[in-house]
Every structure is written in structure tokens, then in C-alpha cells.
PDB file of N, CA and C in Angstrom:
ATOM      1  N   MET A   1     124.726 100.121 116.752  1.00  0.00           N
ATOM      2  CA  MET A   1     123.404  99.944 116.211  1.00  0.00           C
ATOM      3  C   MET A   1     123.506  99.074 114.958  1.00  0.00           C
ATOM      4  N   THR A   2     122.594  98.137 114.812  1.00  0.00           N
ATOM      5  CA  THR A   2     122.620  97.271 113.642  1.00  0.00           C
ATOM      6  C   THR A   2     121.488  97.548 112.661  1.00  0.00           C
ATOM      7  N   SER A   3     120.338  98.043 113.168  1.00  0.00           N
ATOM      8  CA  SER A   3     119.208  98.202 112.276  1.00  0.00           C
ATOM      9  C   SER A   3     118.148  99.112 112.873  1.00  0.00           C
ATOM     10  N   THR A   4     117.371  99.717 111.998  1.00  0.00           N
ATOM     11  CA  THR A   4     116.138 100.391 112.371  1.00  0.00           C
ATOM     12  C   THR A   4     115.008  99.457 111.959  1.00  0.00           C
ATOM     13  N   VAL A   5     114.073  99.193 112.865  1.00  0.00           N
ATOM     14  CA  VAL A   5     113.005  98.235 112.609  1.00  0.00           C
ATOM     15  C   VAL A   5     111.707  98.996 112.329  1.00  0.00           C
ATOM     16  N   ILE A   6     111.035  98.605 111.253  1.00  0.00           N
ATOM     17  CA  ILE A   6     109.794  99.245 110.825  1.00  0.00           C
ATOM     18  C   ILE A   6     108.686  98.205 110.836  1.00  0.00           C
ATOM     19  N   GLY A   7     107.571  98.518 111.487  1.00  0.00           N
ATOM     20  CA  GLY A   7     106.425  97.618 111.531  1.00  0.00           C
ATOM     21  C   GLY A   7     105.644  97.669 110.231  1.00  0.00           C
ATOM     22  N   THR A   8     105.127  96.515 109.812  1.00  0.00           N
ATOM     23  CA  THR A   8     104.435  96.424 108.535  1.00  0.00           C
ATOM     24  C   THR A   8     103.540  95.186 108.487  1.00  0.00           C
ATOM     25  N   PRO A   9     102.473  95.232 107.709  1.00  0.00           N
ATOM     26  CA  PRO A   9     101.681  94.024 107.539  1.00  0.00           C
ATOM     27  C   PRO A   9     102.317  93.035 106.554  1.00  0.00           C
ATOM     28  N   ASP A  10     103.346  93.467 105.804  1.00  0.00           N
ATOM     29  CA  ASP A  10     103.985  92.600 104.802  1.00  0.00           C
ATOM     30  C   ASP A  10     105.497  92.877 104.764  1.00  0.00           C
ATOM     31  N   PRO A  11     106.268  92.250 105.681  1.00  0.00           N
ATOM     32  CA  PRO A  11     107.707  92.512 105.739  1.00  0.00           C
ATOM     33  C   PRO A  11     108.436  92.286 104.418  1.00  0.00           C
ATOM     34  N   SER A  12     108.100  91.234 103.710  1.00  0.00           N
ATOM     35  CA  SER A  12     108.779  90.919 102.462  1.00  0.00           C
ATOM     36  C   SER A  12     108.579  92.020 101.418  1.00  0.00           C
ATOM     37  N   ALA A  13     107.351  92.469 101.254  1.00  0.00           N
ATOM     38  CA  ALA A  13     107.064  93.507 100.263  1.00  0.00           C
ATOM     39  C   ALA A  13     107.744  94.818 100.607  1.00  0.00           C
ATOM     40  N   LEU A  14     107.716  95.209 101.889  1.00  0.00           N
ATOM     41  CA  LEU A  14     108.347  96.470 102.269  1.00  0.00           C
ATOM     42  C   LEU A  14     109.859  96.373 102.157  1.00  0.00           C
ATOM     43  N   ALA A  15     110.430  95.213 102.447  1.00  0.00           N
ATOM     44  CA  ALA A  15     111.876  95.017 102.274  1.00  0.00           C
ATOM     45  C   ALA A  15     112.253  95.169 100.802  1.00  0.00           C
ATOM     46  N   ARG A  16     111.474  94.594  99.915  1.00  0.00           N
ATOM     47  CA  ARG A  16     111.764  94.727  98.474  1.00  0.00           C
ATOM     48  C   ARG A  16     111.654  96.182  98.029  1.00  0.00           C
ATOM     49  N   PHE A  17     110.669  96.917  98.562  1.00  0.00           N
ATOM     50  CA  PHE A  17     110.530  98.339  98.232  1.00  0.00           C
ATOM     51  C   PHE A  17     111.788  99.106  98.621  1.00  0.00           C
ATOM     52  N   TYR A  18     112.211  98.970  99.883  1.00  0.00           N
ATOM     53  CA  TYR A  18     113.376  99.726 100.337  1.00  0.00           C
ATOM     54  C   TYR A  18     114.675  99.233  99.703  1.00  0.00           C
ATOM     55  N   ALA A  19     114.783  97.953  99.419  1.00  0.00           N
ATOM     56  CA  ALA A  19     115.977  97.446  98.726  1.00  0.00           C
ATOM     57  C   ALA A  19     116.092  98.116  97.357  1.00  0.00           C
ATOM     58  N   ALA A  20     114.995  98.203  96.629  1.00  0.00           N
ATOM     59  CA  ALA A  20     115.015  98.851  95.318  1.00  0.00           C
ATOM     60  C   ALA A  20     115.268 100.347  95.446  1.00  0.00           C
ATOM     61  N   LEU A  21     114.620 101.003  96.415  1.00  0.00           N
ATOM     62  CA  LEU A  21     114.777 102.446  96.597  1.00  0.00           C
ATOM     63  C   LEU A  21     116.217 102.810  96.924  1.00  0.00           C
ATOM     64  N   LEU A  22     116.845 102.035  97.798  1.00  0.00           N
ATOM     65  CA  LEU A  22     118.188 102.355  98.281  1.00  0.00           C
ATOM     66  C   LEU A  22     119.306 101.673  97.506  1.00  0.00           C
ATOM     67  N   GLY A  23     118.960 100.732  96.634  1.00  0.00           N
ATOM     68  CA  GLY A  23     119.996  99.979  95.934  1.00  0.00           C
ATOM     69  C   GLY A  23     120.688  98.988  96.844  1.00  0.00           C
ATOM     70  N   TRP A  24     119.961  98.490  97.847  1.00  0.00           N
ATOM     71  CA  TRP A  24     120.499  97.538  98.806  1.00  0.00           C
ATOM     72  C   TRP A  24     120.047  96.132  98.459  1.00  0.00           C
ATOM     73  N   GLU A  25     120.457  95.175  99.279  1.00  0.00           N
ATOM     74  CA  GLU A  25     120.104  93.775  99.073  1.00  0.00           C
ATOM     75  C   GLU A  25     119.170  93.294 100.179  1.00  0.00           C
ATOM     76  N   VAL A  26     118.202  92.471  99.809  1.00  0.00           N
ATOM     77  CA  VAL A  26     117.395  91.792 100.816  1.00  0.00           C
ATOM     78  C   VAL A  26     118.258  90.670 101.366  1.00  0.00           C
ATOM     79  N   ARG A  27     118.510  90.691 102.654  1.00  0.00           N
ATOM     80  CA  ARG A  27     119.384  89.693 103.272  1.00  0.00           C
ATOM     81  C   ARG A  27     118.623  88.591 103.977  1.00  0.00           C
ATOM     82  N   ARG A  28     117.433  88.906 104.462  1.00  0.00           N
ATOM     83  CA  ARG A  28     116.613  87.920 105.151  1.00  0.00           C
ATOM     84  C   ARG A  28     115.175  88.186 104.742  1.00  0.00           C
ATOM     85  N   ASP A  29     114.444  87.142 104.418  1.00  0.00           N
ATOM     86  CA  ASP A  29     113.079  87.315 103.932  1.00  0.00           C
ATOM     87  C   ASP A  29     112.220  86.169 104.448  1.00  0.00           C
ATOM     88  N   GLU A  30     111.551  86.425 105.564  1.00  0.00           N
ATOM     89  CA  GLU A  30     110.683  85.439 106.196  1.00  0.00           C
ATOM     90  C   GLU A  30     109.299  86.059 106.382  1.00  0.00           C
ATOM     91  N   PRO A  31     108.275  85.272 106.654  1.00  0.00           N
ATOM     92  CA  PRO A  31     106.924  85.832 106.774  1.00  0.00           C
ATOM     93  C   PRO A  31     106.784  86.949 107.813  1.00  0.00           C
ATOM     94  N   ASP A  32     107.487  86.844 108.961  1.00  0.00           N
ATOM     95  CA  ASP A  32     107.342  87.915 109.958  1.00  0.00           C
ATOM     96  C   ASP A  32     108.557  88.818 110.108  1.00  0.00           C
ATOM     97  N   TRP A  33     109.586  88.629 109.282  1.00  0.00           N
ATOM     98  CA  TRP A  33     110.802  89.440 109.453  1.00  0.00           C
ATOM     99  C   TRP A  33     111.592  89.471 108.152  1.00  0.00           C
ATOM    100  N   ALA A  34     112.015  90.639 107.746  1.00  0.00           N
ATOM    101  CA  ALA A  34     112.880  90.779 106.574  1.00  0.00           C
ATOM    102  C   ALA A  34     113.899  91.870 106.867  1.00  0.00           C
ATOM    103  N   THR A  35     115.058  91.777 106.250  1.00  0.00           N
ATOM    104  CA  THR A  35     116.102  92.785 106.435  1.00  0.00           C
ATOM    105  C   THR A  35     116.706  93.179 105.098  1.00  0.00           C
ATOM    106  N   VAL A  36     117.174  94.422 105.024  1.00  0.00           N
ATOM    107  CA  VAL A  36     117.932  94.902 103.870  1.00  0.00           C
ATOM    108  C   VAL A  36     119.200  95.574 104.383  1.00  0.00           C
ATOM    109  N   ARG A  37     120.264  95.436 103.601  1.00  0.00           N
ATOM    110  CA  ARG A  37     121.560  96.030 103.948  1.00  0.00           C
ATOM    111  C   ARG A  37     122.251  96.473 102.659  1.00  0.00           C
ATOM    112  N   SER A  38     123.116  97.441 102.807  1.00  0.00           N
ATOM    113  CA  SER A  38     123.945  97.828 101.663  1.00  0.00           C
ATOM    114  C   SER A  38     125.028  96.772 101.480  1.00  0.00           C
ATOM    115  N   ALA A  39     125.559  96.687 100.282  1.00  0.00           N
ATOM    116  CA  ALA A  39     126.598  95.695  99.979  1.00  0.00           C
ATOM    117  C   ALA A  39     127.852  95.926 100.803  1.00  0.00           C
ATOM    118  N   ASP A  40     128.111  97.174 101.193  1.00  0.00           N
ATOM    119  CA  ASP A  40     129.330  97.465 101.964  1.00  0.00           C
ATOM    120  C   ASP A  40     129.123  97.390 103.471  1.00  0.00           C
ATOM    121  N   GLY A  41     127.972  96.891 103.912  1.00  0.00           N
ATOM    122  CA  GLY A  41     127.729  96.699 105.343  1.00  0.00           C
ATOM    123  C   GLY A  41     127.154  97.928 106.010  1.00  0.00           C
ATOM    124  N   GLY A  42     127.296  97.984 107.315  1.00  0.00           N
ATOM    125  CA  GLY A  42     126.739  99.085 108.089  1.00  0.00           C
ATOM    126  C   GLY A  42     125.321  98.780 108.527  1.00  0.00           C
ATOM    127  N   PRO A  43     124.725  99.676 109.316  1.00  0.00           N
ATOM    128  CA  PRO A  43     123.352  99.466 109.773  1.00  0.00           C
ATOM    129  C   PRO A  43     122.395  99.353 108.594  1.00  0.00           C
ATOM    130  N   GLY A  44     121.348  98.588 108.795  1.00  0.00           N
ATOM    131  CA  GLY A  44     120.368  98.401 107.734  1.00  0.00           C
ATOM    132  C   GLY A  44     118.971  98.681 108.233  1.00  0.00           C
ATOM    133  N   LEU A  45     118.010  98.175 107.498  1.00  0.00           N
ATOM    134  CA  LEU A  45     116.611  98.286 107.866  1.00  0.00           C
ATOM    135  C   LEU A  45     116.046  96.883 108.033  1.00  0.00           C
ATOM    136  N   SER A  46     115.196  96.735 109.035  1.00  0.00           N
ATOM    137  CA  SER A  46     114.498  95.474 109.255  1.00  0.00           C
ATOM    138  C   SER A  46     113.004  95.760 109.268  1.00  0.00           C
ATOM    139  N   PHE A  47     112.228  94.767 108.879  1.00  0.00           N
ATOM    140  CA  PHE A  47     110.780  94.918 108.755  1.00  0.00           C
ATOM    141  C   PHE A  47     110.118  93.804 109.526  1.00  0.00           C
ATOM    142  N   GLN A  48     109.315  94.193 110.501  1.00  0.00           N
ATOM    143  CA  GLN A  48     108.687  93.256 111.424  1.00  0.00           C
ATOM    144  C   GLN A  48     107.193  93.203 111.158  1.00  0.00           C
ATOM    145  N   TYR A  49     106.639  92.002 111.104  1.00  0.00           N
ATOM    146  CA  TYR A  49     105.214  91.821 110.874  1.00  0.00           C
ATOM    147  C   TYR A  49     104.410  92.402 112.027  1.00  0.00           C
ATOM    148  N   GLU A  50     103.410  93.205 111.687  1.00  0.00           N
ATOM    149  CA  GLU A  50     102.467  93.734 112.668  1.00  0.00           C
ATOM    150  C   GLU A  50     101.066  93.495 112.142  1.00  0.00           C
ATOM    151  N   GLU A  51     100.356  92.600 112.793  1.00  0.00           N
ATOM    152  CA  GLU A  51      99.022  92.213 112.356  1.00  0.00           C
ATOM    153  C   GLU A  51      98.059  93.404 112.310  1.00  0.00           C
ATOM    154  N   HIS A  52      98.171  94.304 113.268  1.00  0.00           N
ATOM    155  CA  HIS A  52      97.224  95.416 113.376  1.00  0.00           C
ATOM    156  C   HIS A  52      97.873  96.743 112.992  1.00  0.00           C
ATOM    157  N   HIS A  53      98.675  96.724 111.955  1.00  0.00           N
ATOM    158  CA  HIS A  53      99.353  97.939 111.492  1.00  0.00           C
ATOM    159  C   HIS A  53      98.334  98.995 111.061  1.00  0.00           C
ATOM    160  N   HIS A  54      98.549 100.227 111.504  1.00  0.00           N
ATOM    161  CA  HIS A  54      97.746 101.367 111.075  1.00  0.00           C
ATOM    162  C   HIS A  54      98.691 102.387 110.459  1.00  0.00           C
ATOM    163  N   ARG A  55      98.323 102.901 109.307  1.00  0.00           N
ATOM    164  CA  ARG A  55      99.155 103.911 108.650  1.00  0.00           C
ATOM    165  C   ARG A  55      99.279 105.115 109.574  1.00  0.00           C
ATOM    166  N   PRO A  56     100.501 105.639 109.723  1.00  0.00           N
ATOM    167  CA  PRO A  56     100.661 106.812 110.586  1.00  0.00           C
ATOM    168  C   PRO A  56     100.048 108.064 109.967  1.00  0.00           C
ATOM    169  N   VAL A  57      99.733 109.018 110.821  1.00  0.00           N
ATOM    170  CA  VAL A  57      99.219 110.309 110.387  1.00  0.00           C
ATOM    171  C   VAL A  57     100.381 111.292 110.427  1.00  0.00           C
ATOM    172  N   TRP A  58     100.623 111.950 109.297  1.00  0.00           N
ATOM    173  CA  TRP A  58     101.681 112.964 109.228  1.00  0.00           C
ATOM    174  C   TRP A  58     101.228 114.062 108.298  1.00  0.00           C
ATOM    175  N   PRO A  59     101.441 115.327 108.646  1.00  0.00           N
ATOM    176  CA  PRO A  59     101.992 115.751 109.936  1.00  0.00           C
ATOM    177  C   PRO A  59     101.027 115.432 111.068  1.00  0.00           C
ATOM    178  N   GLY A  60     101.523 115.445 112.276  1.00  0.00           N
ATOM    179  CA  GLY A  60     100.780 114.987 113.440  1.00  0.00           C
ATOM    180  C   GLY A  60      99.700 115.914 113.907  1.00  0.00           C
ATOM    181  N   HIS A  61      98.790 116.273 113.018  1.00  0.00           N
ATOM    182  CA  HIS A  61      97.674 117.145 113.395  1.00  0.00           C
ATOM    183  C   HIS A  61      96.377 116.369 113.543  1.00  0.00           C
ATOM    184  N   GLY A  62      96.464 115.037 113.491  1.00  0.00           N
ATOM    185  CA  GLY A  62      95.264 114.195 113.595  1.00  0.00           C
ATOM    186  C   GLY A  62      94.785 114.107 115.031  1.00  0.00           C
ATOM    187  N   ALA A  63      93.747 113.338 115.218  1.00  0.00           N
ATOM    188  CA  ALA A  63      93.190 113.129 116.551  1.00  0.00           C
ATOM    189  C   ALA A  63      94.200 112.384 117.418  1.00  0.00           C
ATOM    190  N   ALA A  64      94.127 112.605 118.709  1.00  0.00           N
ATOM    191  CA  ALA A  64      95.081 112.014 119.643  1.00  0.00           C
ATOM    192  C   ALA A  64      95.119 110.492 119.565  1.00  0.00           C
ATOM    193  N   GLU A  65      93.994 109.868 119.236  1.00  0.00           N
ATOM    194  CA  GLU A  65      93.969 108.405 119.201  1.00  0.00           C
ATOM    195  C   GLU A  65      94.496 107.830 117.877  1.00  0.00           C
ATOM    196  N   GLU A  66      94.794 108.677 116.878  1.00  0.00           N
ATOM    197  CA  GLU A  66      95.339 108.175 115.614  1.00  0.00           C
ATOM    198  C   GLU A  66      96.823 107.858 115.758  1.00  0.00           C
ATOM    199  N   GLN A  67      97.266 106.864 114.994  1.00  0.00           N
ATOM    200  CA  GLN A  67      98.679 106.494 115.007  1.00  0.00           C
ATOM    201  C   GLN A  67      99.511 107.654 114.467  1.00  0.00           C
ATOM    202  N   GLN A  68     100.405 108.171 115.269  1.00  0.00           N
ATOM    203  CA  GLN A  68     101.271 109.275 114.857  1.00  0.00           C
ATOM    204  C   GLN A  68     102.569 108.730 114.278  1.00  0.00           C
ATOM    205  N   MET A  69     103.225 109.552 113.450  1.00  0.00           N
ATOM    206  CA  MET A  69     104.530 109.172 112.935  1.00  0.00           C
ATOM    207  C   MET A  69     105.473 109.035 114.124  1.00  0.00           C
ATOM    208  N   MET A  70     106.217 107.957 114.188  1.00  0.00           N
ATOM    209  CA  MET A  70     107.134 107.758 115.302  1.00  0.00           C
ATOM    210  C   MET A  70     108.571 107.989 114.880  1.00  0.00           C
ATOM    211  N   MET A  71     108.826 107.916 113.597  1.00  0.00           N
ATOM    212  CA  MET A  71     110.158 108.155 113.049  1.00  0.00           C
ATOM    213  C   MET A  71     110.005 108.302 111.545  1.00  0.00           C
ATOM    214  N   HIS A  72     111.032 108.806 110.907  1.00  0.00           N
ATOM    215  CA  HIS A  72     111.049 108.804 109.448  1.00  0.00           C
ATOM    216  C   HIS A  72     112.496 108.687 108.994  1.00  0.00           C
ATOM    217  N   LEU A  73     112.681 108.283 107.765  1.00  0.00           N
ATOM    218  CA  LEU A  73     114.013 108.140 107.194  1.00  0.00           C
ATOM    219  C   LEU A  73     114.312 109.345 106.321  1.00  0.00           C
ATOM    220  N   ASP A  74     115.542 109.848 106.386  1.00  0.00           N
ATOM    221  CA  ASP A  74     116.026 110.895 105.495  1.00  0.00           C
ATOM    222  C   ASP A  74     116.975 110.240 104.511  1.00  0.00           C
ATOM    223  N   ILE A  75     116.710 110.421 103.230  1.00  0.00           N
ATOM    224  CA  ILE A  75     117.501 109.794 102.180  1.00  0.00           C
ATOM    225  C   ILE A  75     118.051 110.894 101.275  1.00  0.00           C
ATOM    226  N   GLU A  76     119.366 111.083 101.301  1.00  0.00           N
ATOM    227  CA  GLU A  76     119.997 112.097 100.465  1.00  0.00           C
ATOM    228  C   GLU A  76     120.092 111.596  99.029  1.00  0.00           C
ATOM    229  N   VAL A  77     119.702 112.453  98.094  1.00  0.00           N
ATOM    230  CA  VAL A  77     119.734 112.121  96.672  1.00  0.00           C
ATOM    231  C   VAL A  77     120.436 113.241  95.906  1.00  0.00           C
ATOM    232  N   GLU A  78     120.844 112.946  94.686  1.00  0.00           N
ATOM    233  CA  GLU A  78     121.494 113.959  93.856  1.00  0.00           C
ATOM    234  C   GLU A  78     120.492 114.776  93.051  1.00  0.00           C
ATOM    235  N   ASP A  79     119.412 114.142  92.609  1.00  0.00           N
ATOM    236  CA  ASP A  79     118.401 114.799  91.780  1.00  0.00           C
ATOM    237  C   ASP A  79     117.042 114.531  92.423  1.00  0.00           C
ATOM    238  N   LEU A  80     116.483 115.545  93.059  1.00  0.00           N
ATOM    239  CA  LEU A  80     115.252 115.382  93.828  1.00  0.00           C
ATOM    240  C   LEU A  80     114.073 114.955  92.945  1.00  0.00           C
ATOM    241  N   ALA A  81     113.918 115.587  91.814  1.00  0.00           N
ATOM    242  CA  ALA A  81     112.791 115.256  90.937  1.00  0.00           C
ATOM    243  C   ALA A  81     112.902 113.823  90.418  1.00  0.00           C
ATOM    244  N   ALA A  82     114.073 113.433  89.957  1.00  0.00           N
ATOM    245  CA  ALA A  82     114.267 112.075  89.425  1.00  0.00           C
ATOM    246  C   ALA A  82     114.087 111.032  90.529  1.00  0.00           C
ATOM    247  N   ALA A  83     114.601 111.314  91.729  1.00  0.00           N
ATOM    248  CA  ALA A  83     114.465 110.370  92.843  1.00  0.00           C
ATOM    249  C   ALA A  83     113.003 110.220  93.242  1.00  0.00           C
ATOM    250  N   SER A  84     112.249 111.305  93.194  1.00  0.00           N
ATOM    251  CA  SER A  84     110.826 111.249  93.519  1.00  0.00           C
ATOM    252  C   SER A  84     110.067 110.398  92.505  1.00  0.00           C
ATOM    253  N   VAL A  85     110.341 110.598  91.228  1.00  0.00           N
ATOM    254  CA  VAL A  85     109.685 109.801  90.180  1.00  0.00           C
ATOM    255  C   VAL A  85     110.020 108.322  90.378  1.00  0.00           C
ATOM    256  N   TYR A  86     111.268 108.031  90.690  1.00  0.00           N
ATOM    257  CA  TYR A  86     111.692 106.644  90.914  1.00  0.00           C
ATOM    258  C   TYR A  86     110.950 106.036  92.107  1.00  0.00           C
ATOM    259  N   ALA A  87     110.899 106.779  93.220  1.00  0.00           N
ATOM    260  CA  ALA A  87     110.228 106.287  94.426  1.00  0.00           C
ATOM    261  C   ALA A  87     108.749 106.030  94.159  1.00  0.00           C
ATOM    262  N   VAL A  88     108.097 106.930  93.468  1.00  0.00           N
ATOM    263  CA  VAL A  88     106.674 106.762  93.148  1.00  0.00           C
ATOM    264  C   VAL A  88     106.490 105.546  92.236  1.00  0.00           C
ATOM    265  N   GLY A  89     107.410 105.344  91.317  1.00  0.00           N
ATOM    266  CA  GLY A  89     107.342 104.177  90.446  1.00  0.00           C
ATOM    267  C   GLY A  89     107.464 102.861  91.199  1.00  0.00           C
ATOM    268  N   LEU A  90     108.121 102.897  92.355  1.00  0.00           N
ATOM    269  CA  LEU A  90     108.260 101.705  93.199  1.00  0.00           C
ATOM    270  C   LEU A  90     107.048 101.479  94.096  1.00  0.00           C
ATOM    271  N   GLY A  91     106.181 102.482  94.198  1.00  0.00           N
ATOM    272  CA  GLY A  91     104.992 102.323  95.040  1.00  0.00           C
ATOM    273  C   GLY A  91     104.839 103.373  96.121  1.00  0.00           C
ATOM    274  N   ALA A  92     105.758 104.335  96.204  1.00  0.00           N
ATOM    275  CA  ALA A  92     105.634 105.423  97.179  1.00  0.00           C
ATOM    276  C   ALA A  92     104.596 106.425  96.680  1.00  0.00           C
ATOM    277  N   SER A  93     104.161 107.290  97.570  1.00  0.00           N
ATOM    278  CA  SER A  93     103.314 108.413  97.176  1.00  0.00           C
ATOM    279  C   SER A  93     103.899 109.683  97.789  1.00  0.00           C
ATOM    280  N   VAL A  94     103.629 110.804  97.142  1.00  0.00           N
ATOM    281  CA  VAL A  94     104.144 112.092  97.612  1.00  0.00           C
ATOM    282  C   VAL A  94     103.154 112.661  98.617  1.00  0.00           C
ATOM    283  N   ALA A  95     103.658 113.100  99.756  1.00  0.00           N
ATOM    284  CA  ALA A  95     102.802 113.693 100.787  1.00  0.00           C
ATOM    285  C   ALA A  95     102.254 115.026 100.303  1.00  0.00           C
ATOM    286  N   GLU A  96     101.027 115.315 100.691  1.00  0.00           N
ATOM    287  CA  GLU A  96     100.416 116.595 100.322  1.00  0.00           C
ATOM    288  C   GLU A  96     101.168 117.747 100.995  1.00  0.00           C
ATOM    289  N   PHE A  97     101.461 117.603 102.275  1.00  0.00           N
ATOM    290  CA  PHE A  97     102.170 118.648 103.019  1.00  0.00           C
ATOM    291  C   PHE A  97     103.674 118.509 102.816  1.00  0.00           C
ATOM    292  N   GLN A  98     104.317 119.580 102.400  1.00  0.00           N
ATOM    293  CA  GLN A  98     105.766 119.611 102.220  1.00  0.00           C
ATOM    294  C   GLN A  98     106.317 120.734 103.103  1.00  0.00           C
ATOM    295  N   PRO A  99     107.201 120.403 104.072  1.00  0.00           N
ATOM    296  CA  PRO A  99     107.605 121.377 105.075  1.00  0.00           C
ATOM    297  C   PRO A  99     108.634 122.411 104.640  1.00  0.00           C
ATOM    298  N   GLN A 100     109.427 122.125 103.608  1.00  0.00           N
ATOM    299  CA  GLN A 100     110.490 123.070 103.259  1.00  0.00           C
ATOM    300  C   GLN A 100     111.013 122.805 101.862  1.00  0.00           C
ATOM    301  N   GLU A 101     111.690 123.794 101.311  1.00  0.00           N
ATOM    302  CA  GLU A 101     112.315 123.700  99.999  1.00  0.00           C
ATOM    303  C   GLU A 101     113.477 122.715 100.046  1.00  0.00           C
ATOM    304  N   GLY A 102     113.682 121.974  98.987  1.00  0.00           N
ATOM    305  CA  GLY A 102     114.814 121.053  98.903  1.00  0.00           C
ATOM    306  C   GLY A 102     114.585 119.705  99.555  1.00  0.00           C
ATOM    307  N   VAL A 103     113.364 119.483 100.047  1.00  0.00           N
ATOM    308  CA  VAL A 103     112.998 118.211 100.681  1.00  0.00           C
ATOM    309  C   VAL A 103     111.641 117.807 100.116  1.00  0.00           C
ATOM    310  N   LEU A 104     111.503 116.537  99.768  1.00  0.00           N
ATOM    311  CA  LEU A 104     110.198 116.021  99.350  1.00  0.00           C
ATOM    312  C   LEU A 104     109.826 114.860 100.267  1.00  0.00           C
ATOM    313  N   VAL A 105     108.724 115.026 100.977  1.00  0.00           N
ATOM    314  CA  VAL A 105     108.235 113.979 101.858  1.00  0.00           C
ATOM    315  C   VAL A 105     107.384 113.019 101.034  1.00  0.00           C
ATOM    316  N   HIS A 106     107.638 111.724 101.236  1.00  0.00           N
ATOM    317  CA  HIS A 106     106.891 110.656 100.577  1.00  0.00           C
ATOM    318  C   HIS A 106     106.370 109.696 101.642  1.00  0.00           C
ATOM    319  N   TYR A 107     105.446 108.839 101.238  1.00  0.00           N
ATOM    320  CA  TYR A 107     105.003 107.725 102.074  1.00  0.00           C
ATOM    321  C   TYR A 107     105.397 106.438 101.370  1.00  0.00           C
ATOM    322  N   ASP A 108     105.922 105.476 102.135  1.00  0.00           N
ATOM    323  CA  ASP A 108     106.198 104.168 101.548  1.00  0.00           C
ATOM    324  C   ASP A 108     104.854 103.446 101.351  1.00  0.00           C
ATOM    325  N   PRO A 109     104.834 102.270 100.751  1.00  0.00           N
ATOM    326  CA  PRO A 109     103.556 101.605 100.493  1.00  0.00           C
ATOM    327  C   PRO A 109     102.702 101.326 101.732  1.00  0.00           C
ATOM    328  N   ASP A 110     103.305 101.298 102.921  1.00  0.00           N
ATOM    329  CA  ASP A 110     102.539 101.081 104.151  1.00  0.00           C
ATOM    330  C   ASP A 110     102.250 102.374 104.893  1.00  0.00           C
ATOM    331  N   GLY A 111     102.597 103.516 104.303  1.00  0.00           N
ATOM    332  CA  GLY A 111     102.261 104.811 104.887  1.00  0.00           C
ATOM    333  C   GLY A 111     103.313 105.447 105.765  1.00  0.00           C
ATOM    334  N   HIS A 112     104.487 104.825 105.924  1.00  0.00           N
ATOM    335  CA  HIS A 112     105.549 105.438 106.727  1.00  0.00           C
ATOM    336  C   HIS A 112     106.173 106.586 105.927  1.00  0.00           C
ATOM    337  N   PRO A 113     106.287 107.770 106.530  1.00  0.00           N
ATOM    338  CA  PRO A 113     106.897 108.867 105.794  1.00  0.00           C
ATOM    339  C   PRO A 113     108.413 108.702 105.689  1.00  0.00           C
ATOM    340  N   PHE A 114     108.951 109.178 104.571  1.00  0.00           N
ATOM    341  CA  PHE A 114     110.399 109.301 104.410  1.00  0.00           C
ATOM    342  C   PHE A 114     110.662 110.548 103.578  1.00  0.00           C
ATOM    343  N   CYS A 115     111.825 111.141 103.784  1.00  0.00           N
ATOM    344  CA  CYS A 115     112.175 112.375 103.084  1.00  0.00           C
ATOM    345  C   CYS A 115     113.300 112.119 102.101  1.00  0.00           C
ATOM    346  N   LEU A 116     113.117 112.600 100.892  1.00  0.00           N
ATOM    347  CA  LEU A 116     114.198 112.678  99.922  1.00  0.00           C
ATOM    348  C   LEU A 116     114.691 114.114  99.978  1.00  0.00           C
ATOM    349  N   TRP A 117     115.997 114.304  99.984  1.00  0.00           N
ATOM    350  CA  TRP A 117     116.527 115.655 100.083  1.00  0.00           C
ATOM    351  C   TRP A 117     117.859 115.753  99.350  1.00  0.00           C
ATOM    352  N   VAL A 118     118.198 116.973  98.971  1.00  0.00           N
ATOM    353  CA  VAL A 118     119.465 117.262  98.300  1.00  0.00           C
ATOM    354  C   VAL A 118     120.258 118.159  99.227  1.00  0.00           C
ATOM    355  N   ALA A 119     121.517 117.788  99.457  1.00  0.00           N
ATOM    356  CA  ALA A 119     122.381 118.616 100.313  1.00  0.00           C
ATOM    357  C   ALA A 119     122.667 119.943  99.606  1.00  0.00           C
ATOM    358  N   ALA A 120     122.692 121.006 100.379  1.00  0.00           N
ATOM    359  CA  ALA A 120     123.011 122.321  99.826  1.00  0.00           C
ATOM    360  C   ALA A 120     124.459 122.323  99.349  1.00  0.00           C
ATOM    361  N   GLU A 121     124.677 122.951  98.218  1.00  0.00           N
ATOM    362  CA  GLU A 121     126.052 123.031  97.703  1.00  0.00           C
ATOM    363  C   GLU A 121     126.868 123.964  98.582  1.00  0.00           C
ATOM    364  N   GLU A 122     128.095 123.556  98.804  1.00  0.00           N
ATOM    365  CA  GLU A 122     128.963 124.355  99.689  1.00  0.00           C
ATOM    366  C   GLU A 122     129.803 125.306  98.888  1.00  0.00           C
TER     367      GLU A 122
END
């Protein structure tokens, strides 16, 4: 696998958001396609232009015809509160519904949910 592709009305802006959030680099930045990768390689994220993008509904309790969440990213962090403040400062928002302790669900600027979480100490 080389990448997870996320639909967006603005690939460049969403790539910059995730590059800043993850500490990665924007590797490709074109009007309909952008990619971000970590400096050490591995799979990355790609952002594809979608003219008719609709923000997903999460949790999936909306009407059947509403765009449902199709995937989300889990991002492990060391300090949940600090990571949340950082993400919000970049343009994310905190979801009203939170499913469990130790995880904070956010929406990226285009409405895709992602989870910040802290691994339980062993």
C-alpha cells in the first residue's frame, strides 16, 4: 500500500493541514491532487479533488441519503489535550459525540473525522 486517498474540494489546503498535524512533508501539490509523506518514507496520505464533496455525517445516525463516514484516521499522540489544542489551531474541530475515554474525535477542515488517542500504559 502506498497511500490512503481522501476526497476534498481543496487538495492543497487539506494536504497542508495534515502535513502540519503529522509533521510530514507535502510532496506533491497540484490543483486536483496533493500528497504528504513522512520524511522516513512509508505509506502516506493523498488528497483528490472532488467537485461535489459533502461533509460526512458521524456518527452515522443521519438519514440514509446523507454522506456517511467511509473511513477515519487514528493518530496516536503522547498528550491528548495538547494534541487536540494543536489540531484545533490548525483548523480542526472537536466532534460533539465522543465514543470512549482516551480518544478524542475531531473533524478536519473538510469534515472528515479523525481520532487522536493515547496508548494505554503497559
